[in-house]
Amino acid sequence: MQHSEALLIGGRAGVGKTTVGWEVSARLRAVGVPHAVIDGDYMGQVHPAPEGDPTRTAIAERNLTAVWGNYAELGYRRLVYTNTVCVLDDLTGCFRRALGDGVRLVRVLLTATDETTERRLAGRELGSEFDSELAGSLRKARMLDARAPADTVRVATDGRSVPDIAEEVLAATGWGTA
């Protein structure tokens, strides 16, 4: 049995995880590398949180397991996964259970300054949640910086093009891109 590989792209709100994830996918498609893309932010989006699962981790894992099971059944072995905290050791078990014990995890933490992320969030958060997104982004940036495992590749996004960032992210995988 061929083991799965997961590129985990984490980072604070406004750092560019989703945009970079889609660019990584475009580059993989361009060179014919089979893969799946999952935006992990949607795996646990229920309100209220399920009883006994205040951080929505258990429901997100159940959904990831179900979705990945469908992809794996079709023969996919590579996953591009974006989510704020997906690079943390706390979630390693979740990925091993969902994708299999032999999964190879490549962790990439996208970073940006507070000024850059505030500007990006101001352009994106047009509703009532700008202030809470900004505060949460700041808090999570500090937490991710402190808790990301040593094997996490850190990629700065300030002042860089999305293709340039995606190229650096892909270099960490060894997935045979040009």
N, C-alpha and C. Protein backbone atom coordinates (compact mmCIF):
# COMPACT_ATOMS: atom_id res chain seq x y z
N MET A 1 0.84 -1.19 0.00
CA MET A 1 0.00 0.00 0.00
C MET A 1 0.88 1.25 0.00
N GLN A 2 0.55 2.19 -0.85
CA GLN A 2 1.29 3.45 -0.92
C GLN A 2 0.79 4.38 0.19
N HIS A 3 1.73 4.97 0.93
CA HIS A 3 1.35 5.87 2.02
C HIS A 3 0.96 7.23 1.47
N SER A 4 0.17 7.94 2.27
CA SER A 4 -0.27 9.28 1.91
C SER A 4 0.75 10.31 2.36
N GLU A 5 0.67 11.48 1.72
CA GLU A 5 1.49 12.63 2.09
C GLU A 5 0.57 13.83 2.20
N ALA A 6 0.81 14.65 3.21
CA ALA A 6 -0.01 15.84 3.39
C ALA A 6 0.88 17.07 3.55
N LEU A 7 0.62 18.07 2.73
CA LEU A 7 1.23 19.38 2.88
C LEU A 7 0.28 20.20 3.73
N LEU A 8 0.71 20.52 4.94
CA LEU A 8 -0.11 21.28 5.88
C LEU A 8 0.35 22.73 5.84
N ILE A 9 -0.53 23.61 5.37
CA ILE A 9 -0.20 25.03 5.29
C ILE A 9 -0.97 25.77 6.37
N GLY A 10 -0.26 26.22 7.39
CA GLY A 10 -0.87 26.92 8.50
C GLY A 10 -0.43 28.37 8.56
N GLY A 11 -1.04 29.10 9.47
CA GLY A 11 -0.69 30.50 9.67
C GLY A 11 -1.88 31.31 10.15
N ARG A 12 -1.59 32.46 10.63
CA ARG A 12 -2.61 33.36 11.17
C ARG A 12 -3.59 33.80 10.09
N ALA A 13 -4.73 34.32 10.50
CA ALA A 13 -5.71 34.88 9.56
C ALA A 13 -5.06 36.02 8.80
N GLY A 14 -5.26 36.05 7.48
CA GLY A 14 -4.74 37.13 6.65
C GLY A 14 -3.35 36.89 6.12
N VAL A 15 -2.76 35.72 6.37
CA VAL A 15 -1.40 35.45 5.93
C VAL A 15 -1.36 34.92 4.49
N GLY A 16 -2.48 34.40 3.99
CA GLY A 16 -2.55 33.93 2.61
C GLY A 16 -2.62 32.42 2.43
N LYS A 17 -3.04 31.69 3.46
CA LYS A 17 -3.07 30.22 3.39
C LYS A 17 -3.91 29.71 2.22
N THR A 18 -5.12 30.17 2.09
CA THR A 18 -6.01 29.68 1.04
C THR A 18 -5.48 30.05 -0.33
N THR A 19 -5.05 31.27 -0.50
CA THR A 19 -4.52 31.72 -1.78
C THR A 19 -3.28 30.92 -2.18
N VAL A 20 -2.37 30.73 -1.24
CA VAL A 20 -1.17 29.96 -1.52
C VAL A 20 -1.52 28.50 -1.79
N GLY A 21 -2.46 27.94 -1.04
CA GLY A 21 -2.89 26.56 -1.27
C GLY A 21 -3.42 26.35 -2.68
N TRP A 22 -4.20 27.31 -3.18
CA TRP A 22 -4.71 27.20 -4.55
C TRP A 22 -3.61 27.36 -5.58
N GLU A 23 -2.62 28.21 -5.29
CA GLU A 23 -1.49 28.36 -6.22
C GLU A 23 -0.63 27.09 -6.23
N VAL A 24 -0.44 26.49 -5.07
CA VAL A 24 0.27 25.22 -5.00
C VAL A 24 -0.46 24.19 -5.86
N SER A 25 -1.78 24.14 -5.74
CA SER A 25 -2.58 23.21 -6.54
C SER A 25 -2.43 23.49 -8.03
N ALA A 26 -2.44 24.75 -8.42
CA ALA A 26 -2.28 25.11 -9.84
C ALA A 26 -0.93 24.62 -10.36
N ARG A 27 0.11 24.79 -9.56
CA ARG A 27 1.44 24.34 -9.99
C ARG A 27 1.51 22.82 -10.09
N LEU A 28 0.88 22.13 -9.16
CA LEU A 28 0.86 20.67 -9.21
C LEU A 28 0.06 20.18 -10.42
N ARG A 29 -1.06 20.82 -10.70
CA ARG A 29 -1.84 20.46 -11.89
C ARG A 29 -1.03 20.68 -13.16
N ALA A 30 -0.27 21.76 -13.20
CA ALA A 30 0.51 22.10 -14.39
C ALA A 30 1.56 21.05 -14.73
N VAL A 31 2.05 20.34 -13.72
CA VAL A 31 3.06 19.31 -13.97
C VAL A 31 2.51 17.89 -13.78
N GLY A 32 1.18 17.79 -13.69
CA GLY A 32 0.53 16.49 -13.66
C GLY A 32 0.68 15.70 -12.37
N VAL A 33 0.82 16.38 -11.23
CA VAL A 33 0.93 15.69 -9.95
C VAL A 33 -0.47 15.53 -9.35
N PRO A 34 -0.97 14.28 -9.24
CA PRO A 34 -2.30 14.06 -8.64
C PRO A 34 -2.32 14.50 -7.17
N HIS A 35 -3.39 15.16 -6.77
CA HIS A 35 -3.51 15.63 -5.40
C HIS A 35 -4.95 16.06 -5.13
N ALA A 36 -5.25 16.26 -3.88
CA ALA A 36 -6.53 16.81 -3.44
C ALA A 36 -6.24 18.05 -2.62
N VAL A 37 -7.21 18.96 -2.57
CA VAL A 37 -7.08 20.18 -1.78
C VAL A 37 -8.27 20.25 -0.81
N ILE A 38 -7.97 20.51 0.45
CA ILE A 38 -9.03 20.68 1.45
C ILE A 38 -8.72 21.95 2.24
N ASP A 39 -9.69 22.85 2.31
CA ASP A 39 -9.58 24.01 3.18
C ASP A 39 -10.13 23.59 4.53
N GLY A 40 -9.24 23.32 5.46
CA GLY A 40 -9.61 22.80 6.76
C GLY A 40 -10.49 23.72 7.58
N ASP A 41 -10.51 25.01 7.25
CA ASP A 41 -11.36 25.93 8.00
C ASP A 41 -12.83 25.54 7.89
N TYR A 42 -13.20 24.82 6.84
CA TYR A 42 -14.60 24.44 6.65
C TYR A 42 -14.94 23.10 7.27
N MET A 43 -13.97 22.35 7.73
CA MET A 43 -14.22 21.01 8.25
C MET A 43 -14.96 21.01 9.58
N GLY A 44 -14.88 22.11 10.32
CA GLY A 44 -15.53 22.16 11.63
C GLY A 44 -16.49 23.32 11.81
N GLN A 45 -16.96 23.89 10.73
CA GLN A 45 -17.81 25.08 10.81
C GLN A 45 -19.26 24.73 11.12
N VAL A 46 -19.53 24.53 12.40
CA VAL A 46 -20.88 24.32 12.89
C VAL A 46 -21.10 25.21 14.10
N HIS A 47 -22.34 25.61 14.31
CA HIS A 47 -22.67 26.43 15.47
C HIS A 47 -24.00 25.96 16.03
N PRO A 48 -24.09 25.72 17.29
CA PRO A 48 -23.00 25.79 18.27
C PRO A 48 -22.06 24.60 18.11
N ALA A 49 -20.95 24.68 18.81
CA ALA A 49 -20.00 23.56 18.79
C ALA A 49 -20.70 22.33 19.35
N PRO A 50 -20.40 21.16 18.79
CA PRO A 50 -21.02 19.93 19.31
C PRO A 50 -20.68 19.74 20.79
N GLU A 51 -21.62 19.17 21.53
CA GLU A 51 -21.40 18.93 22.95
C GLU A 51 -20.15 18.08 23.14
N GLY A 52 -19.29 18.52 24.03
CA GLY A 52 -18.05 17.80 24.31
C GLY A 52 -16.93 18.09 23.33
N ASP A 53 -17.17 18.98 22.36
CA ASP A 53 -16.16 19.31 21.34
C ASP A 53 -16.09 20.83 21.16
N PRO A 54 -15.74 21.57 22.22
CA PRO A 54 -15.79 23.04 22.14
C PRO A 54 -14.87 23.65 21.10
N THR A 55 -13.77 23.00 20.77
CA THR A 55 -12.87 23.55 19.76
C THR A 55 -13.19 23.02 18.36
N ARG A 56 -14.21 22.17 18.26
CA ARG A 56 -14.68 21.59 16.99
C ARG A 56 -13.64 20.67 16.34
N THR A 57 -12.65 20.24 17.12
CA THR A 57 -11.60 19.37 16.59
C THR A 57 -12.14 18.00 16.20
N ALA A 58 -12.99 17.44 17.04
CA ALA A 58 -13.51 16.09 16.77
C ALA A 58 -14.38 16.07 15.52
N ILE A 59 -15.25 17.06 15.34
CA ILE A 59 -16.10 17.09 14.14
C ILE A 59 -15.24 17.35 12.90
N ALA A 60 -14.22 18.19 13.03
CA ALA A 60 -13.33 18.45 11.89
C ALA A 60 -12.59 17.17 11.50
N GLU A 61 -12.13 16.40 12.49
CA GLU A 61 -11.45 15.15 12.19
C GLU A 61 -12.40 14.15 11.52
N ARG A 62 -13.62 14.06 12.00
CA ARG A 62 -14.60 13.15 11.38
C ARG A 62 -14.83 13.53 9.92
N ASN A 63 -14.97 14.82 9.67
CA ASN A 63 -15.21 15.28 8.30
C ASN A 63 -13.99 15.04 7.42
N LEU A 64 -12.80 15.33 7.94
CA LEU A 64 -11.57 15.07 7.19
C LEU A 64 -11.45 13.59 6.85
N THR A 65 -11.72 12.74 7.81
CA THR A 65 -11.64 11.29 7.60
C THR A 65 -12.59 10.86 6.49
N ALA A 66 -13.82 11.38 6.51
CA ALA A 66 -14.80 11.01 5.49
C ALA A 66 -14.40 11.52 4.11
N VAL A 67 -14.00 12.77 4.03
CA VAL A 67 -13.64 13.36 2.73
C VAL A 67 -12.38 12.69 2.19
N TRP A 68 -11.35 12.54 3.04
CA TRP A 68 -10.12 11.90 2.58
C TRP A 68 -10.39 10.46 2.16
N GLY A 69 -11.26 9.78 2.87
CA GLY A 69 -11.61 8.41 2.50
C GLY A 69 -12.12 8.32 1.07
N ASN A 70 -12.91 9.29 0.67
CA ASN A 70 -13.41 9.34 -0.72
C ASN A 70 -12.28 9.55 -1.70
N TYR A 71 -11.38 10.48 -1.39
CA TYR A 71 -10.25 10.75 -2.27
C TYR A 71 -9.33 9.53 -2.36
N ALA A 72 -9.01 8.94 -1.20
CA ALA A 72 -8.11 7.78 -1.17
C ALA A 72 -8.69 6.60 -1.94
N GLU A 73 -10.00 6.42 -1.85
CA GLU A 73 -10.65 5.34 -2.59
C GLU A 73 -10.47 5.50 -4.10
N LEU A 74 -10.34 6.74 -4.53
CA LEU A 74 -10.11 7.03 -5.95
C LEU A 74 -8.63 7.03 -6.32
N GLY A 75 -7.77 6.76 -5.35
CA GLY A 75 -6.35 6.62 -5.63
C GLY A 75 -5.48 7.82 -5.29
N TYR A 76 -6.04 8.86 -4.73
CA TYR A 76 -5.23 10.03 -4.38
C TYR A 76 -4.40 9.74 -3.14
N ARG A 77 -3.16 10.22 -3.14
CA ARG A 77 -2.25 9.99 -2.02
C ARG A 77 -1.62 11.28 -1.51
N ARG A 78 -1.83 12.38 -2.22
CA ARG A 78 -1.26 13.66 -1.78
C ARG A 78 -2.39 14.64 -1.46
N LEU A 79 -2.22 15.33 -0.34
CA LEU A 79 -3.22 16.29 0.12
C LEU A 79 -2.56 17.63 0.40
N VAL A 80 -3.16 18.69 -0.11
CA VAL A 80 -2.80 20.06 0.25
C VAL A 80 -3.90 20.52 1.21
N TYR A 81 -3.53 20.80 2.45
CA TYR A 81 -4.50 21.11 3.50
C TYR A 81 -4.15 22.45 4.12
N THR A 82 -5.10 23.36 4.12
CA THR A 82 -4.89 24.67 4.72
C THR A 82 -5.77 24.83 5.95
N ASN A 83 -5.19 25.37 7.01
CA ASN A 83 -5.93 25.64 8.24
C ASN A 83 -4.99 26.38 9.17
N THR A 84 -5.51 27.29 9.94
CA THR A 84 -4.71 28.13 10.81
C THR A 84 -3.72 27.34 11.65
N VAL A 85 -4.19 26.33 12.38
CA VAL A 85 -3.35 25.65 13.36
C VAL A 85 -2.93 24.23 12.95
N CYS A 86 -3.11 23.87 11.69
CA CYS A 86 -2.87 22.49 11.26
C CYS A 86 -1.43 22.03 11.43
N VAL A 87 -0.48 22.93 11.60
CA VAL A 87 0.93 22.55 11.73
C VAL A 87 1.29 22.10 13.15
N LEU A 88 0.41 22.30 14.11
CA LEU A 88 0.75 22.01 15.50
C LEU A 88 0.78 20.52 15.79
N ASP A 89 1.66 20.13 16.70
CA ASP A 89 1.78 18.73 17.10
C ASP A 89 0.47 18.17 17.65
N ASP A 90 -0.35 19.02 18.26
CA ASP A 90 -1.62 18.58 18.83
C ASP A 90 -2.49 17.88 17.78
N LEU A 91 -2.32 18.23 16.51
CA LEU A 91 -3.18 17.70 15.46
C LEU A 91 -2.54 16.55 14.68
N THR A 92 -1.32 16.19 15.02
CA THR A 92 -0.65 15.10 14.32
C THR A 92 -1.49 13.83 14.37
N GLY A 93 -2.04 13.51 15.53
CA GLY A 93 -2.88 12.32 15.68
C GLY A 93 -4.09 12.36 14.79
N CYS A 94 -4.69 13.52 14.65
CA CYS A 94 -5.86 13.70 13.78
C CYS A 94 -5.51 13.32 12.34
N PHE A 95 -4.39 13.80 11.85
CA PHE A 95 -3.99 13.51 10.47
C PHE A 95 -3.60 12.04 10.31
N ARG A 96 -2.97 11.47 11.31
CA ARG A 96 -2.59 10.05 11.24
C ARG A 96 -3.83 9.16 11.22
N ARG A 97 -4.83 9.50 12.03
CA ARG A 97 -6.06 8.71 12.04
C ARG A 97 -6.84 8.89 10.74
N ALA A 98 -6.88 10.10 10.22
CA ALA A 98 -7.67 10.38 9.01
C ALA A 98 -7.01 9.89 7.74
N LEU A 99 -5.67 10.00 7.64
CA LEU A 99 -4.96 9.67 6.41
C LEU A 99 -4.15 8.37 6.51
N GLY A 100 -4.04 7.81 7.70
CA GLY A 100 -3.31 6.57 7.90
C GLY A 100 -2.02 6.79 8.67
N ASP A 101 -1.63 5.78 9.43
CA ASP A 101 -0.45 5.89 10.30
C ASP A 101 0.83 6.24 9.56
N GLY A 102 0.97 5.80 8.33
CA GLY A 102 2.21 6.03 7.59
C GLY A 102 2.26 7.36 6.87
N VAL A 103 1.31 8.25 7.12
CA VAL A 103 1.26 9.53 6.41
C VAL A 103 2.53 10.33 6.67
N ARG A 104 3.04 10.93 5.61
CA ARG A 104 4.18 11.86 5.71
C ARG A 104 3.60 13.26 5.79
N LEU A 105 3.91 13.97 6.85
CA LEU A 105 3.41 15.34 7.04
C LEU A 105 4.52 16.34 6.74
N VAL A 106 4.22 17.29 5.86
CA VAL A 106 5.12 18.40 5.57
C VAL A 106 4.41 19.64 6.10
N ARG A 107 5.00 20.25 7.12
CA ARG A 107 4.37 21.41 7.77
C ARG A 107 5.01 22.71 7.28
N VAL A 108 4.16 23.63 6.85
CA VAL A 108 4.63 24.94 6.42
C VAL A 108 3.82 25.99 7.16
N LEU A 109 4.50 26.89 7.84
CA LEU A 109 3.86 27.99 8.54
C LEU A 109 4.11 29.27 7.77
N LEU A 110 3.05 29.83 7.21
CA LEU A 110 3.16 31.12 6.53
C LEU A 110 3.16 32.21 7.59
N THR A 111 4.01 33.22 7.40
CA THR A 111 4.11 34.31 8.37
C THR A 111 3.97 35.65 7.65
N ALA A 112 3.57 36.66 8.41
CA ALA A 112 3.49 38.03 7.90
C ALA A 112 3.47 38.96 9.11
N THR A 113 3.85 40.18 8.89
CA THR A 113 3.84 41.17 9.97
C THR A 113 2.40 41.52 10.34
N ASP A 114 2.26 42.13 11.51
CA ASP A 114 0.94 42.59 11.95
C ASP A 114 0.37 43.61 10.96
N GLU A 115 1.21 44.49 10.45
CA GLU A 115 0.75 45.51 9.51
C GLU A 115 0.23 44.88 8.21
N THR A 116 0.96 43.91 7.69
CA THR A 116 0.54 43.24 6.46
C THR A 116 -0.78 42.52 6.65
N THR A 117 -0.92 41.78 7.73
CA THR A 117 -2.16 41.03 7.92
C THR A 117 -3.33 41.95 8.22
N GLU A 118 -3.10 43.05 8.91
CA GLU A 118 -4.20 44.00 9.15
C GLU A 118 -4.69 44.56 7.82
N ARG A 119 -3.78 44.91 6.93
CA ARG A 119 -4.16 45.43 5.61
C ARG A 119 -4.94 44.38 4.81
N ARG A 120 -4.45 43.15 4.82
CA ARG A 120 -5.13 42.08 4.09
C ARG A 120 -6.52 41.80 4.66
N LEU A 121 -6.60 41.75 5.98
CA LEU A 121 -7.90 41.49 6.61
C LEU A 121 -8.89 42.63 6.36
N ALA A 122 -8.39 43.86 6.33
CA ALA A 122 -9.27 45.01 6.06
C ALA A 122 -9.89 44.90 4.67
N GLY A 123 -9.17 44.33 3.73
CA GLY A 123 -9.70 44.14 2.39
C GLY A 123 -10.63 42.95 2.26
N ARG A 124 -10.55 42.02 3.21
CA ARG A 124 -11.33 40.79 3.14
C ARG A 124 -12.54 40.78 4.06
N GLU A 125 -12.38 41.26 5.26
CA GLU A 125 -13.45 41.22 6.27
C GLU A 125 -14.33 42.46 6.16
N LEU A 126 -15.32 42.38 5.31
CA LEU A 126 -16.17 43.54 5.05
C LEU A 126 -17.41 43.56 5.93
N GLY A 127 -17.62 42.52 6.70
CA GLY A 127 -18.78 42.44 7.57
C GLY A 127 -18.46 42.89 8.98
N SER A 128 -19.12 42.26 9.93
CA SER A 128 -19.03 42.69 11.33
C SER A 128 -17.89 42.04 12.10
N GLU A 129 -17.08 41.20 11.48
CA GLU A 129 -16.10 40.44 12.25
C GLU A 129 -14.65 40.91 12.10
N PHE A 130 -14.42 42.08 11.52
CA PHE A 130 -13.05 42.55 11.33
C PHE A 130 -12.27 42.62 12.63
N ASP A 131 -12.84 43.28 13.65
CA ASP A 131 -12.11 43.46 14.91
C ASP A 131 -11.77 42.13 15.57
N SER A 132 -12.71 41.18 15.56
CA SER A 132 -12.43 39.89 16.19
C SER A 132 -11.44 39.07 15.36
N GLU A 133 -11.51 39.16 14.03
CA GLU A 133 -10.53 38.47 13.18
C GLU A 133 -9.13 39.02 13.39
N LEU A 134 -9.02 40.34 13.48
CA LEU A 134 -7.72 40.97 13.69
C LEU A 134 -7.13 40.57 15.04
N ALA A 135 -7.94 40.61 16.09
CA ALA A 135 -7.46 40.22 17.43
C ALA A 135 -7.08 38.74 17.45
N GLY A 136 -7.90 37.91 16.84
CA GLY A 136 -7.60 36.48 16.79
C GLY A 136 -6.34 36.20 15.98
N SER A 137 -6.14 36.93 14.90
CA SER A 137 -4.96 36.76 14.06
C SER A 137 -3.69 37.08 14.86
N LEU A 138 -3.72 38.15 15.59
CA LEU A 138 -2.57 38.54 16.41
C LEU A 138 -2.28 37.47 17.46
N ARG A 139 -3.31 37.02 18.16
CA ARG A 139 -3.16 36.00 19.21
C ARG A 139 -2.61 34.69 18.62
N LYS A 140 -3.17 34.26 17.49
CA LYS A 140 -2.74 33.00 16.90
C LYS A 140 -1.33 33.10 16.30
N ALA A 141 -0.96 34.25 15.80
CA ALA A 141 0.40 34.41 15.28
C ALA A 141 1.42 34.17 16.39
N ARG A 142 1.17 34.72 17.57
CA ARG A 142 2.10 34.55 18.69
C ARG A 142 2.12 33.09 19.14
N MET A 143 0.94 32.47 19.20
CA MET A 143 0.85 31.08 19.63
C MET A 143 1.54 30.15 18.62
N LEU A 144 1.30 30.35 17.33
CA LEU A 144 1.93 29.52 16.30
C LEU A 144 3.45 29.70 16.31
N ASP A 145 3.91 30.91 16.49
CA ASP A 145 5.34 31.15 16.53
C ASP A 145 5.99 30.38 17.67
N ALA A 146 5.30 30.33 18.80
CA ALA A 146 5.84 29.66 19.97
C ALA A 146 5.71 28.14 19.91
N ARG A 147 4.66 27.64 19.28
CA ARG A 147 4.36 26.21 19.38
C ARG A 147 4.58 25.39 18.12
N ALA A 148 4.88 26.01 16.99
CA ALA A 148 5.10 25.23 15.77
C ALA A 148 6.31 24.32 15.98
N PRO A 149 6.19 23.04 15.61
CA PRO A 149 7.30 22.10 15.80
C PRO A 149 8.57 22.54 15.05
N ALA A 150 9.68 22.04 15.49
CA ALA A 150 10.98 22.41 14.92
C ALA A 150 11.09 22.07 13.44
N ASP A 151 10.39 21.04 12.99
CA ASP A 151 10.49 20.64 11.58
C ASP A 151 9.57 21.47 10.66
N THR A 152 8.91 22.46 11.20
CA THR A 152 8.02 23.30 10.41
C THR A 152 8.83 24.28 9.58
N VAL A 153 8.54 24.33 8.29
CA VAL A 153 9.19 25.28 7.39
C VAL A 153 8.43 26.60 7.50
N ARG A 154 9.13 27.66 7.82
CA ARG A 154 8.50 28.99 7.95
C ARG A 154 8.75 29.77 6.67
N VAL A 155 7.67 30.32 6.13
CA VAL A 155 7.74 31.06 4.87
C VAL A 155 7.10 32.43 5.07
N ALA A 156 7.90 33.47 4.93
CA ALA A 156 7.40 34.84 5.06
C ALA A 156 6.65 35.23 3.79
N THR A 157 5.53 35.92 3.95
CA THR A 157 4.71 36.31 2.79
C THR A 157 4.70 37.81 2.53
N ASP A 158 5.28 38.59 3.41
CA ASP A 158 5.28 40.05 3.24
C ASP A 158 5.96 40.47 1.95
N GLY A 159 5.28 41.28 1.14
CA GLY A 159 5.87 41.87 -0.05
C GLY A 159 6.26 40.87 -1.13
N ARG A 160 5.72 39.67 -1.11
CA ARG A 160 6.08 38.64 -2.09
C ARG A 160 4.87 38.27 -2.93
N SER A 161 5.14 37.80 -4.13
CA SER A 161 4.05 37.36 -5.00
C SER A 161 3.59 35.97 -4.57
N VAL A 162 2.33 35.67 -4.86
CA VAL A 162 1.79 34.36 -4.53
C VAL A 162 2.55 33.24 -5.24
N PRO A 163 2.87 33.38 -6.54
CA PRO A 163 3.65 32.31 -7.19
C PRO A 163 5.02 32.08 -6.52
N ASP A 164 5.67 33.13 -6.08
CA ASP A 164 6.97 33.01 -5.42
C ASP A 164 6.83 32.25 -4.09
N ILE A 165 5.80 32.58 -3.34
CA ILE A 165 5.55 31.91 -2.06
C ILE A 165 5.24 30.44 -2.31
N ALA A 166 4.37 30.17 -3.28
CA ALA A 166 3.99 28.78 -3.58
C ALA A 166 5.19 27.96 -4.01
N GLU A 167 6.10 28.55 -4.75
CA GLU A 167 7.31 27.84 -5.17
C GLU A 167 8.13 27.42 -3.95
N GLU A 168 8.27 28.31 -2.98
CA GLU A 168 9.02 27.97 -1.77
C GLU A 168 8.30 26.90 -0.96
N VAL A 169 6.99 27.00 -0.87
CA VAL A 169 6.20 26.00 -0.15
C VAL A 169 6.35 24.63 -0.81
N LEU A 170 6.22 24.58 -2.12
CA LEU A 170 6.34 23.31 -2.84
C LEU A 170 7.73 22.71 -2.72
N ALA A 171 8.74 23.53 -2.62
CA ALA A 171 10.11 23.02 -2.50
C ALA A 171 10.24 22.14 -1.26
N ALA A 172 9.44 22.41 -0.23
CA ALA A 172 9.50 21.63 1.00
C ALA A 172 8.93 20.23 0.82
N THR A 173 8.13 20.00 -0.21
CA THR A 173 7.45 18.71 -0.38
C THR A 173 8.23 17.69 -1.17
N GLY A 174 9.01 18.15 -2.15
CA GLY A 174 9.69 17.22 -3.05
C GLY A 174 8.73 16.49 -3.97
N TRP A 175 7.62 17.11 -4.30
CA TRP A 175 6.58 16.47 -5.10
C TRP A 175 6.81 16.58 -6.60
N GLY A 176 8.02 16.75 -7.02
CA GLY A 176 8.37 16.67 -8.44
C GLY A 176 7.83 17.76 -9.31
N THR A 177 7.77 18.98 -8.79
CA THR A 177 7.30 20.09 -9.61
C THR A 177 8.47 20.71 -10.35
N ALA A 178 8.12 21.38 -11.44
CA ALA A 178 9.16 22.06 -12.23
C ALA A 178 9.43 23.44 -11.67
